Each structure stands twice: as structure tokens, then as C-alpha cells.
mmCIF file of all heavy atoms, coordinates in Angstrom:
data_MODEL
# 
_entry.id   MODEL 
# 
loop_
_atom_site.group_PDB 
_atom_site.id 
_atom_site.type_symbol 
_atom_site.label_atom_id 
_atom_site.label_alt_id 
_atom_site.label_comp_id 
_atom_site.label_asym_id 
_atom_site.label_entity_id 
_atom_site.label_seq_id 
_atom_site.pdbx_PDB_ins_code 
_atom_site.Cartn_x 
_atom_site.Cartn_y 
_atom_site.Cartn_z 
_atom_site.occupancy 
_atom_site.B_iso_or_equiv 
_atom_site.pdbx_formal_charge 
_atom_site.auth_seq_id 
_atom_site.auth_comp_id 
_atom_site.auth_asym_id 
_atom_site.auth_atom_id 
_atom_site.pdbx_PDB_model_num 
ATOM 1   N N   . GLN A 1 1  ? -4.087 -14.758 -4.961 1.00 0.00 ? 1  GLN A N   1 
ATOM 2   C CA  . GLN A 1 1  ? -3.623 -13.702 -4.083 1.00 0.00 ? 1  GLN A CA  1 
ATOM 3   C C   . GLN A 1 1  ? -3.594 -14.189 -2.636 1.00 0.00 ? 1  GLN A C   1 
ATOM 4   O O   . GLN A 1 1  ? -4.221 -15.169 -2.287 1.00 0.00 ? 1  GLN A O   1 
ATOM 5   C CB  . GLN A 1 1  ? -4.517 -12.456 -4.181 1.00 0.00 ? 1  GLN A CB  1 
ATOM 6   C CG  . GLN A 1 1  ? -5.953 -12.659 -3.730 1.00 0.00 ? 1  GLN A CG  1 
ATOM 7   C CD  . GLN A 1 1  ? -6.860 -11.500 -4.117 1.00 0.00 ? 1  GLN A CD  1 
ATOM 8   O OE1 . GLN A 1 1  ? -6.932 -11.125 -5.279 1.00 0.00 ? 1  GLN A OE1 1 
ATOM 9   N NE2 . GLN A 1 1  ? -7.536 -10.933 -3.131 1.00 0.00 ? 1  GLN A NE2 1 
ATOM 10  N N   . ALA A 1 2  ? -2.803 -13.498 -1.827 1.00 0.00 ? 2  ALA A N   1 
ATOM 11  C CA  . ALA A 1 2  ? -2.839 -13.649 -0.374 1.00 0.00 ? 2  ALA A CA  1 
ATOM 12  C C   . ALA A 1 2  ? -3.223 -12.281 0.170  1.00 0.00 ? 2  ALA A C   1 
ATOM 13  O O   . ALA A 1 2  ? -2.658 -11.267 -0.241 1.00 0.00 ? 2  ALA A O   1 
ATOM 14  C CB  . ALA A 1 2  ? -1.479 -14.088 0.154  1.00 0.00 ? 2  ALA A CB  1 
ATOM 15  N N   . ASN A 1 3  ? -4.175 -12.234 1.074  1.00 0.00 ? 3  ASN A N   1 
ATOM 16  C CA  . ASN A 1 3  ? -4.727 -10.944 1.500  1.00 0.00 ? 3  ASN A CA  1 
ATOM 17  C C   . ASN A 1 3  ? -4.126 -10.443 2.806  1.00 0.00 ? 3  ASN A C   1 
ATOM 18  O O   . ASN A 1 3  ? -3.863 -11.210 3.727  1.00 0.00 ? 3  ASN A O   1 
ATOM 19  C CB  . ASN A 1 3  ? -6.243 -11.041 1.674  1.00 0.00 ? 3  ASN A CB  1 
ATOM 20  C CG  . ASN A 1 3  ? -6.968 -11.001 0.341  1.00 0.00 ? 3  ASN A CG  1 
ATOM 21  O OD1 . ASN A 1 3  ? -6.374 -10.724 -0.689 1.00 0.00 ? 3  ASN A OD1 1 
ATOM 22  N ND2 . ASN A 1 3  ? -8.245 -11.292 0.364  1.00 0.00 ? 3  ASN A ND2 1 
ATOM 23  N N   . THR A 1 4  ? -3.938 -9.142  2.886  1.00 0.00 ? 4  THR A N   1 
ATOM 24  C CA  . THR A 1 4  ? -3.664 -8.462  4.126  1.00 0.00 ? 4  THR A CA  1 
ATOM 25  C C   . THR A 1 4  ? -4.506 -7.190  4.127  1.00 0.00 ? 4  THR A C   1 
ATOM 26  O O   . THR A 1 4  ? -5.258 -6.943  3.173  1.00 0.00 ? 4  THR A O   1 
ATOM 27  C CB  . THR A 1 4  ? -2.157 -8.145  4.283  1.00 0.00 ? 4  THR A CB  1 
ATOM 28  O OG1 . THR A 1 4  ? -1.937 -7.574  5.570  1.00 0.00 ? 4  THR A OG1 1 
ATOM 29  C CG2 . THR A 1 4  ? -1.679 -7.174  3.218  1.00 0.00 ? 4  THR A CG2 1 
ATOM 30  N N   . SER A 1 5  ? -4.422 -6.391  5.179  1.00 0.00 ? 5  SER A N   1 
ATOM 31  C CA  . SER A 1 5  ? -5.175 -5.139  5.220  1.00 0.00 ? 5  SER A CA  1 
ATOM 32  C C   . SER A 1 5  ? -4.233 -3.997  5.578  1.00 0.00 ? 5  SER A C   1 
ATOM 33  O O   . SER A 1 5  ? -3.160 -4.216  6.142  1.00 0.00 ? 5  SER A O   1 
ATOM 34  C CB  . SER A 1 5  ? -6.327 -5.218  6.233  1.00 0.00 ? 5  SER A CB  1 
ATOM 35  O OG  . SER A 1 5  ? -5.830 -5.430  7.537  1.00 0.00 ? 5  SER A OG  1 
ATOM 36  N N   . TYR A 1 6  ? -4.666 -2.789  5.256  1.00 0.00 ? 6  TYR A N   1 
ATOM 37  C CA  . TYR A 1 6  ? -3.814 -1.617  5.471  1.00 0.00 ? 6  TYR A CA  1 
ATOM 38  C C   . TYR A 1 6  ? -4.699 -0.403  5.691  1.00 0.00 ? 6  TYR A C   1 
ATOM 39  O O   . TYR A 1 6  ? -5.696 -0.206  4.967  1.00 0.00 ? 6  TYR A O   1 
ATOM 40  C CB  . TYR A 1 6  ? -2.909 -1.395  4.250  1.00 0.00 ? 6  TYR A CB  1 
ATOM 41  C CG  . TYR A 1 6  ? -2.072 -0.136  4.317  1.00 0.00 ? 6  TYR A CG  1 
ATOM 42  C CD1 . TYR A 1 6  ? -0.932 -0.078  5.120  1.00 0.00 ? 6  TYR A CD1 1 
ATOM 43  C CD2 . TYR A 1 6  ? -2.414 0.993   3.583  1.00 0.00 ? 6  TYR A CD2 1 
ATOM 44  C CE1 . TYR A 1 6  ? -0.162 1.075   5.180  1.00 0.00 ? 6  TYR A CE1 1 
ATOM 45  C CE2 . TYR A 1 6  ? -1.651 2.145   3.637  1.00 0.00 ? 6  TYR A CE2 1 
ATOM 46  C CZ  . TYR A 1 6  ? -0.526 2.183   4.437  1.00 0.00 ? 6  TYR A CZ  1 
ATOM 47  O OH  . TYR A 1 6  ? 0.237  3.332   4.505  1.00 0.00 ? 6  TYR A OH  1 
ATOM 48  N N   . VAL A 1 7  ? -4.378 0.403   6.703  1.00 0.00 ? 7  VAL A N   1 
ATOM 49  C CA  . VAL A 1 7  ? -5.114 1.633   6.975  1.00 0.00 ? 7  VAL A CA  1 
ATOM 50  C C   . VAL A 1 7  ? -4.395 2.790   6.291  1.00 0.00 ? 7  VAL A C   1 
ATOM 51  O O   . VAL A 1 7  ? -3.205 3.026   6.522  1.00 0.00 ? 7  VAL A O   1 
ATOM 52  C CB  . VAL A 1 7  ? -5.222 1.895   8.488  1.00 0.00 ? 7  VAL A CB  1 
ATOM 53  C CG1 . VAL A 1 7  ? -5.927 3.224   8.750  1.00 0.00 ? 7  VAL A CG1 1 
ATOM 54  C CG2 . VAL A 1 7  ? -5.980 0.765   9.170  1.00 0.00 ? 7  VAL A CG2 1 
ATOM 55  N N   . VAL A 1 8  ? -5.120 3.485   5.428  1.00 0.00 ? 8  VAL A N   1 
ATOM 56  C CA  . VAL A 1 8  ? -4.541 4.570   4.629  1.00 0.00 ? 8  VAL A CA  1 
ATOM 57  C C   . VAL A 1 8  ? -4.061 5.698   5.529  1.00 0.00 ? 8  VAL A C   1 
ATOM 58  O O   . VAL A 1 8  ? -4.761 6.114   6.459  1.00 0.00 ? 8  VAL A O   1 
ATOM 59  C CB  . VAL A 1 8  ? -5.578 5.103   3.619  1.00 0.00 ? 8  VAL A CB  1 
ATOM 60  C CG1 . VAL A 1 8  ? -4.996 6.266   2.821  1.00 0.00 ? 8  VAL A CG1 1 
ATOM 61  C CG2 . VAL A 1 8  ? -6.023 3.984   2.686  1.00 0.00 ? 8  VAL A CG2 1 
ATOM 62  N N   . LYS A 1 9  ? -2.870 6.197   5.251  1.00 0.00 ? 9  LYS A N   1 
ATOM 63  C CA  . LYS A 1 9  ? -2.293 7.317   6.000  1.00 0.00 ? 9  LYS A CA  1 
ATOM 64  C C   . LYS A 1 9  ? -2.382 8.601   5.177  1.00 0.00 ? 9  LYS A C   1 
ATOM 65  O O   . LYS A 1 9  ? -2.665 8.571   3.977  1.00 0.00 ? 9  LYS A O   1 
ATOM 66  C CB  . LYS A 1 9  ? -0.823 7.016   6.357  1.00 0.00 ? 9  LYS A CB  1 
ATOM 67  C CG  . LYS A 1 9  ? -0.654 5.811   7.278  1.00 0.00 ? 9  LYS A CG  1 
ATOM 68  C CD  . LYS A 1 9  ? 0.811  5.540   7.555  1.00 0.00 ? 9  LYS A CD  1 
ATOM 69  C CE  . LYS A 1 9  ? 0.984  4.410   8.582  1.00 0.00 ? 9  LYS A CE  1 
ATOM 70  N NZ  . LYS A 1 9  ? 0.344  3.154   8.180  1.00 0.00 ? 9  LYS A NZ  1 
ATOM 71  N N   . GLN A 1 10 ? -2.149 9.721   5.849  1.00 0.00 ? 10 GLN A N   1 
ATOM 72  C CA  . GLN A 1 10 ? -2.196 11.018  5.177  1.00 0.00 ? 10 GLN A CA  1 
ATOM 73  C C   . GLN A 1 10 ? -1.214 11.028  4.006  1.00 0.00 ? 10 GLN A C   1 
ATOM 74  O O   . GLN A 1 10 ? -0.089 10.550  4.126  1.00 0.00 ? 10 GLN A O   1 
ATOM 75  C CB  . GLN A 1 10 ? -1.832 12.131  6.170  1.00 0.00 ? 10 GLN A CB  1 
ATOM 76  C CG  . GLN A 1 10 ? -2.141 13.536  5.680  1.00 0.00 ? 10 GLN A CG  1 
ATOM 77  C CD  . GLN A 1 10 ? -3.648 13.767  5.561  1.00 0.00 ? 10 GLN A CD  1 
ATOM 78  O OE1 . GLN A 1 10 ? -4.423 13.272  6.357  1.00 0.00 ? 10 GLN A OE1 1 
ATOM 79  N NE2 . GLN A 1 10 ? -4.051 14.516  4.541  1.00 0.00 ? 10 GLN A NE2 1 
ATOM 80  N N   . ASP A 1 11 ? -1.660 11.548  2.866  1.00 0.00 ? 11 ASP A N   1 
ATOM 81  C CA  . ASP A 1 11 ? -0.853 11.679  1.644  1.00 0.00 ? 11 ASP A CA  1 
ATOM 82  C C   . ASP A 1 11 ? -0.603 10.351  0.935  1.00 0.00 ? 11 ASP A C   1 
ATOM 83  O O   . ASP A 1 11 ? 0.149  10.312  -0.046 1.00 0.00 ? 11 ASP A O   1 
ATOM 84  C CB  . ASP A 1 11 ? 0.500  12.355  1.932  1.00 0.00 ? 11 ASP A CB  1 
ATOM 85  C CG  . ASP A 1 11 ? 0.340  13.761  2.502  1.00 0.00 ? 11 ASP A CG  1 
ATOM 86  O OD1 . ASP A 1 11 ? -0.612 14.451  2.088  1.00 0.00 ? 11 ASP A OD1 1 
ATOM 87  O OD2 . ASP A 1 11 ? 1.153  14.156  3.352  1.00 0.00 ? 11 ASP A OD2 1 
ATOM 88  N N   . ASP A 1 12 ? -1.199 9.270   1.402  1.00 0.00 ? 12 ASP A N   1 
ATOM 89  C CA  . ASP A 1 12 ? -1.088 8.008   0.669  1.00 0.00 ? 12 ASP A CA  1 
ATOM 90  C C   . ASP A 1 12 ? -1.879 8.066   -0.631 1.00 0.00 ? 12 ASP A C   1 
ATOM 91  O O   . ASP A 1 12 ? -2.966 8.668   -0.693 1.00 0.00 ? 12 ASP A O   1 
ATOM 92  C CB  . ASP A 1 12 ? -1.644 6.849   1.517  1.00 0.00 ? 12 ASP A CB  1 
ATOM 93  C CG  . ASP A 1 12 ? -0.587 6.194   2.380  1.00 0.00 ? 12 ASP A CG  1 
ATOM 94  O OD1 . ASP A 1 12 ? 0.607  6.464   2.162  1.00 0.00 ? 12 ASP A OD1 1 
ATOM 95  O OD2 . ASP A 1 12 ? -0.962 5.411   3.268  1.00 0.00 ? 12 ASP A OD2 1 
ATOM 96  N N   . THR A 1 13 ? -1.357 7.449   -1.662 1.00 0.00 ? 13 THR A N   1 
ATOM 97  C CA  . THR A 1 13 ? -2.090 7.176   -2.895 1.00 0.00 ? 13 THR A CA  1 
ATOM 98  C C   . THR A 1 13 ? -1.962 5.681   -3.157 1.00 0.00 ? 13 THR A C   1 
ATOM 99  O O   . THR A 1 13 ? -1.171 4.988   -2.515 1.00 0.00 ? 13 THR A O   1 
ATOM 100 C CB  . THR A 1 13 ? -1.514 7.952   -4.088 1.00 0.00 ? 13 THR A CB  1 
ATOM 101 O OG1 . THR A 1 13 ? -0.163 7.477   -4.342 1.00 0.00 ? 13 THR A OG1 1 
ATOM 102 C CG2 . THR A 1 13 ? -1.482 9.450   -3.815 1.00 0.00 ? 13 THR A CG2 1 
ATOM 103 N N   . TYR A 1 14 ? -2.739 5.164   -4.123 1.00 0.00 ? 14 TYR A N   1 
ATOM 104 C CA  . TYR A 1 14 ? -2.612 3.750   -4.444 1.00 0.00 ? 14 TYR A CA  1 
ATOM 105 C C   . TYR A 1 14 ? -1.189 3.420   -4.886 1.00 0.00 ? 14 TYR A C   1 
ATOM 106 O O   . TYR A 1 14 ? -0.645 2.368   -4.539 1.00 0.00 ? 14 TYR A O   1 
ATOM 107 C CB  . TYR A 1 14 ? -3.602 3.367   -5.546 1.00 0.00 ? 14 TYR A CB  1 
ATOM 108 C CG  . TYR A 1 14 ? -5.031 3.205   -5.068 1.00 0.00 ? 14 TYR A CG  1 
ATOM 109 C CD1 . TYR A 1 14 ? -6.064 3.965   -5.611 1.00 0.00 ? 14 TYR A CD1 1 
ATOM 110 C CD2 . TYR A 1 14 ? -5.354 2.268   -4.088 1.00 0.00 ? 14 TYR A CD2 1 
ATOM 111 C CE1 . TYR A 1 14 ? -7.372 3.802   -5.182 1.00 0.00 ? 14 TYR A CE1 1 
ATOM 112 C CE2 . TYR A 1 14 ? -6.656 2.109   -3.654 1.00 0.00 ? 14 TYR A CE2 1 
ATOM 113 C CZ  . TYR A 1 14 ? -7.665 2.876   -4.204 1.00 0.00 ? 14 TYR A CZ  1 
ATOM 114 O OH  . TYR A 1 14 ? -8.957 2.705   -3.769 1.00 0.00 ? 14 TYR A OH  1 
ATOM 115 N N   . LEU A 1 15 ? -0.577 4.322   -5.652 1.00 0.00 ? 15 LEU A N   1 
ATOM 116 C CA  . LEU A 1 15 ? 0.778  4.072   -6.131 1.00 0.00 ? 15 LEU A CA  1 
ATOM 117 C C   . LEU A 1 15 ? 1.783  4.063   -4.977 1.00 0.00 ? 15 LEU A C   1 
ATOM 118 O O   . LEU A 1 15 ? 2.677  3.212   -4.917 1.00 0.00 ? 15 LEU A O   1 
ATOM 119 C CB  . LEU A 1 15 ? 1.172  5.123   -7.167 1.00 0.00 ? 15 LEU A CB  1 
ATOM 120 C CG  . LEU A 1 15 ? 2.542  4.934   -7.827 1.00 0.00 ? 15 LEU A CG  1 
ATOM 121 C CD1 . LEU A 1 15 ? 2.598  3.604   -8.569 1.00 0.00 ? 15 LEU A CD1 1 
ATOM 122 C CD2 . LEU A 1 15 ? 2.850  6.089   -8.778 1.00 0.00 ? 15 LEU A CD2 1 
ATOM 123 N N   . VAL A 1 16 ? 1.637  5.007   -4.050 1.00 0.00 ? 16 VAL A N   1 
ATOM 124 C CA  . VAL A 1 16 ? 2.539  5.072   -2.891 1.00 0.00 ? 16 VAL A CA  1 
ATOM 125 C C   . VAL A 1 16 ? 2.397  3.809   -2.045 1.00 0.00 ? 16 VAL A C   1 
ATOM 126 O O   . VAL A 1 16 ? 3.393  3.216   -1.603 1.00 0.00 ? 16 VAL A O   1 
ATOM 127 C CB  . VAL A 1 16 ? 2.241  6.334   -2.053 1.00 0.00 ? 16 VAL A CB  1 
ATOM 128 C CG1 . VAL A 1 16 ? 2.933  6.250   -0.696 1.00 0.00 ? 16 VAL A CG1 1 
ATOM 129 C CG2 . VAL A 1 16 ? 2.700  7.582   -2.799 1.00 0.00 ? 16 VAL A CG2 1 
ATOM 130 N N   . ILE A 1 17 ? 1.163  3.371   -1.821 1.00 0.00 ? 17 ILE A N   1 
ATOM 131 C CA  . ILE A 1 17 ? 0.936  2.171   -1.011 1.00 0.00 ? 17 ILE A CA  1 
ATOM 132 C C   . ILE A 1 17 ? 1.544  0.951   -1.693 1.00 0.00 ? 17 ILE A C   1 
ATOM 133 O O   . ILE A 1 17 ? 2.220  0.128   -1.057 1.00 0.00 ? 17 ILE A O   1 
ATOM 134 C CB  . ILE A 1 17 ? -0.570 1.967   -0.760 1.00 0.00 ? 17 ILE A CB  1 
ATOM 135 C CG1 . ILE A 1 17 ? -1.131 3.128   0.070  1.00 0.00 ? 17 ILE A CG1 1 
ATOM 136 C CG2 . ILE A 1 17 ? -0.823 0.632   -0.054 1.00 0.00 ? 17 ILE A CG2 1 
ATOM 137 C CD1 . ILE A 1 17 ? -2.646 3.136   0.146  1.00 0.00 ? 17 ILE A CD1 1 
ATOM 138 N N   . ALA A 1 18 ? 1.320  0.822   -3.009 1.00 0.00 ? 18 ALA A N   1 
ATOM 139 C CA  . ALA A 1 18 ? 1.801  -0.358  -3.734 1.00 0.00 ? 18 ALA A CA  1 
ATOM 140 C C   . ALA A 1 18 ? 3.325  -0.395  -3.827 1.00 0.00 ? 18 ALA A C   1 
ATOM 141 O O   . ALA A 1 18 ? 3.951  -1.420  -3.540 1.00 0.00 ? 18 ALA A O   1 
ATOM 142 C CB  . ALA A 1 18 ? 1.186  -0.391  -5.133 1.00 0.00 ? 18 ALA A CB  1 
ATOM 143 N N   . ASN A 1 19 ? 3.926  0.744   -4.219 1.00 0.00 ? 19 ASN A N   1 
ATOM 144 C CA  . ASN A 1 19 ? 5.364  0.735   -4.510 1.00 0.00 ? 19 ASN A CA  1 
ATOM 145 C C   . ASN A 1 19 ? 6.239  1.105   -3.320 1.00 0.00 ? 19 ASN A C   1 
ATOM 146 O O   . ASN A 1 19 ? 7.364  0.618   -3.209 1.00 0.00 ? 19 ASN A O   1 
ATOM 147 C CB  . ASN A 1 19 ? 5.667  1.679   -5.675 1.00 0.00 ? 19 ASN A CB  1 
ATOM 148 C CG  . ASN A 1 19 ? 5.307  1.067   -7.012 1.00 0.00 ? 19 ASN A CG  1 
ATOM 149 O OD1 . ASN A 1 19 ? 4.684  0.017   -7.055 1.00 0.00 ? 19 ASN A OD1 1 
ATOM 150 N ND2 . ASN A 1 19 ? 5.690  1.711   -8.095 1.00 0.00 ? 19 ASN A ND2 1 
ATOM 151 N N   . ASN A 1 20 ? 5.762  1.969   -2.442 1.00 0.00 ? 20 ASN A N   1 
ATOM 152 C CA  . ASN A 1 20 ? 6.574  2.372   -1.293 1.00 0.00 ? 20 ASN A CA  1 
ATOM 153 C C   . ASN A 1 20 ? 6.348  1.465   -0.088 1.00 0.00 ? 20 ASN A C   1 
ATOM 154 O O   . ASN A 1 20 ? 7.286  0.874   0.446  1.00 0.00 ? 20 ASN A O   1 
ATOM 155 C CB  . ASN A 1 20 ? 6.287  3.822   -0.913 1.00 0.00 ? 20 ASN A CB  1 
ATOM 156 C CG  . ASN A 1 20 ? 6.822  4.790   -1.950 1.00 0.00 ? 20 ASN A CG  1 
ATOM 157 O OD1 . ASN A 1 20 ? 7.212  4.394   -3.043 1.00 0.00 ? 20 ASN A OD1 1 
ATOM 158 N ND2 . ASN A 1 20 ? 6.841  6.071   -1.627 1.00 0.00 ? 20 ASN A ND2 1 
ATOM 159 N N   . THR A 1 21 ? 5.087  1.353   0.340  1.00 0.00 ? 21 THR A N   1 
ATOM 160 C CA  . THR A 1 21 ? 4.807  0.559   1.536  1.00 0.00 ? 21 THR A CA  1 
ATOM 161 C C   . THR A 1 21 ? 5.026  -0.928  1.279  1.00 0.00 ? 21 THR A C   1 
ATOM 162 O O   . THR A 1 21 ? 5.697  -1.607  2.057  1.00 0.00 ? 21 THR A O   1 
ATOM 163 C CB  . THR A 1 21 ? 3.370  0.801   2.015  1.00 0.00 ? 21 THR A CB  1 
ATOM 164 O OG1 . THR A 1 21 ? 3.176  2.204   2.241  1.00 0.00 ? 21 THR A OG1 1 
ATOM 165 C CG2 . THR A 1 21 ? 3.093  0.043   3.305  1.00 0.00 ? 21 THR A CG2 1 
ATOM 166 N N   . PHE A 1 22 ? 4.437  -1.438  0.189  1.00 0.00 ? 22 PHE A N   1 
ATOM 167 C CA  . PHE A 1 22 ? 4.522  -2.873  -0.090 1.00 0.00 ? 22 PHE A CA  1 
ATOM 168 C C   . PHE A 1 22 ? 5.601  -3.216  -1.119 1.00 0.00 ? 22 PHE A C   1 
ATOM 169 O O   . PHE A 1 22 ? 5.765  -4.388  -1.468 1.00 0.00 ? 22 PHE A O   1 
ATOM 170 C CB  . PHE A 1 22 ? 3.159  -3.412  -0.536 1.00 0.00 ? 22 PHE A CB  1 
ATOM 171 C CG  . PHE A 1 22 ? 2.153  -3.461  0.581  1.00 0.00 ? 22 PHE A CG  1 
ATOM 172 C CD1 . PHE A 1 22 ? 1.320  -2.376  0.829  1.00 0.00 ? 22 PHE A CD1 1 
ATOM 173 C CD2 . PHE A 1 22 ? 2.055  -4.566  1.406  1.00 0.00 ? 22 PHE A CD2 1 
ATOM 174 C CE1 . PHE A 1 22 ? 0.401  -2.415  1.875  1.00 0.00 ? 22 PHE A CE1 1 
ATOM 175 C CE2 . PHE A 1 22 ? 1.150  -4.607  2.449  1.00 0.00 ? 22 PHE A CE2 1 
ATOM 176 C CZ  . PHE A 1 22 ? 0.318  -3.531  2.689  1.00 0.00 ? 22 PHE A CZ  1 
ATOM 177 N N   . ALA A 1 23 ? 6.312  -2.219  -1.589 1.00 0.00 ? 23 ALA A N   1 
ATOM 178 C CA  . ALA A 1 23 ? 7.510  -2.410  -2.420 1.00 0.00 ? 23 ALA A CA  1 
ATOM 179 C C   . ALA A 1 23 ? 7.270  -3.196  -3.702 1.00 0.00 ? 23 ALA A C   1 
ATOM 180 O O   . ALA A 1 23 ? 8.212  -3.734  -4.281 1.00 0.00 ? 23 ALA A O   1 
ATOM 181 C CB  . ALA A 1 23 ? 8.609  -3.080  -1.594 1.00 0.00 ? 23 ALA A CB  1 
ATOM 182 N N   . GLY A 1 24 ? 6.023  -3.284  -4.159 1.00 0.00 ? 24 GLY A N   1 
ATOM 183 C CA  . GLY A 1 24 ? 5.739  -4.005  -5.390 1.00 0.00 ? 24 GLY A CA  1 
ATOM 184 C C   . GLY A 1 24 ? 5.069  -5.351  -5.176 1.00 0.00 ? 24 GLY A C   1 
ATOM 185 O O   . GLY A 1 24 ? 4.802  -6.060  -6.150 1.00 0.00 ? 24 GLY A O   1 
ATOM 186 N N   . LEU A 1 25 ? 4.773  -5.723  -3.931 1.00 0.00 ? 25 LEU A N   1 
ATOM 187 C CA  . LEU A 1 25 ? 4.061  -6.974  -3.682 1.00 0.00 ? 25 LEU A CA  1 
ATOM 188 C C   . LEU A 1 25 ? 2.586  -6.874  -4.067 1.00 0.00 ? 25 LEU A C   1 
ATOM 189 O O   . LEU A 1 25 ? 1.871  -7.879  -4.057 1.00 0.00 ? 25 LEU A O   1 
ATOM 190 C CB  . LEU A 1 25 ? 4.175  -7.379  -2.213 1.00 0.00 ? 25 LEU A CB  1 
ATOM 191 C CG  . LEU A 1 25 ? 5.511  -8.001  -1.802 1.00 0.00 ? 25 LEU A CG  1 
ATOM 192 C CD1 . LEU A 1 25 ? 5.533  -8.311  -0.317 1.00 0.00 ? 25 LEU A CD1 1 
ATOM 193 C CD2 . LEU A 1 25 ? 5.806  -9.260  -2.614 1.00 0.00 ? 25 LEU A CD2 1 
# 
């Protein structure tokens, strides 16, 4: 893996972060 960090926003879920924000990365 290569690591980055992310601050959770309102209404974020793990699925939203993975598929919407990071688009599947």
C-alpha cells in the first residue's frame, strides 16, 4: 500500500470515502 490521510466530513461513510472521494483507489 501507499498511505495518505483524510479527515472525515459530514455524511461520509467508508463506502463514500472509498468510491466517491478516492474513486476506488
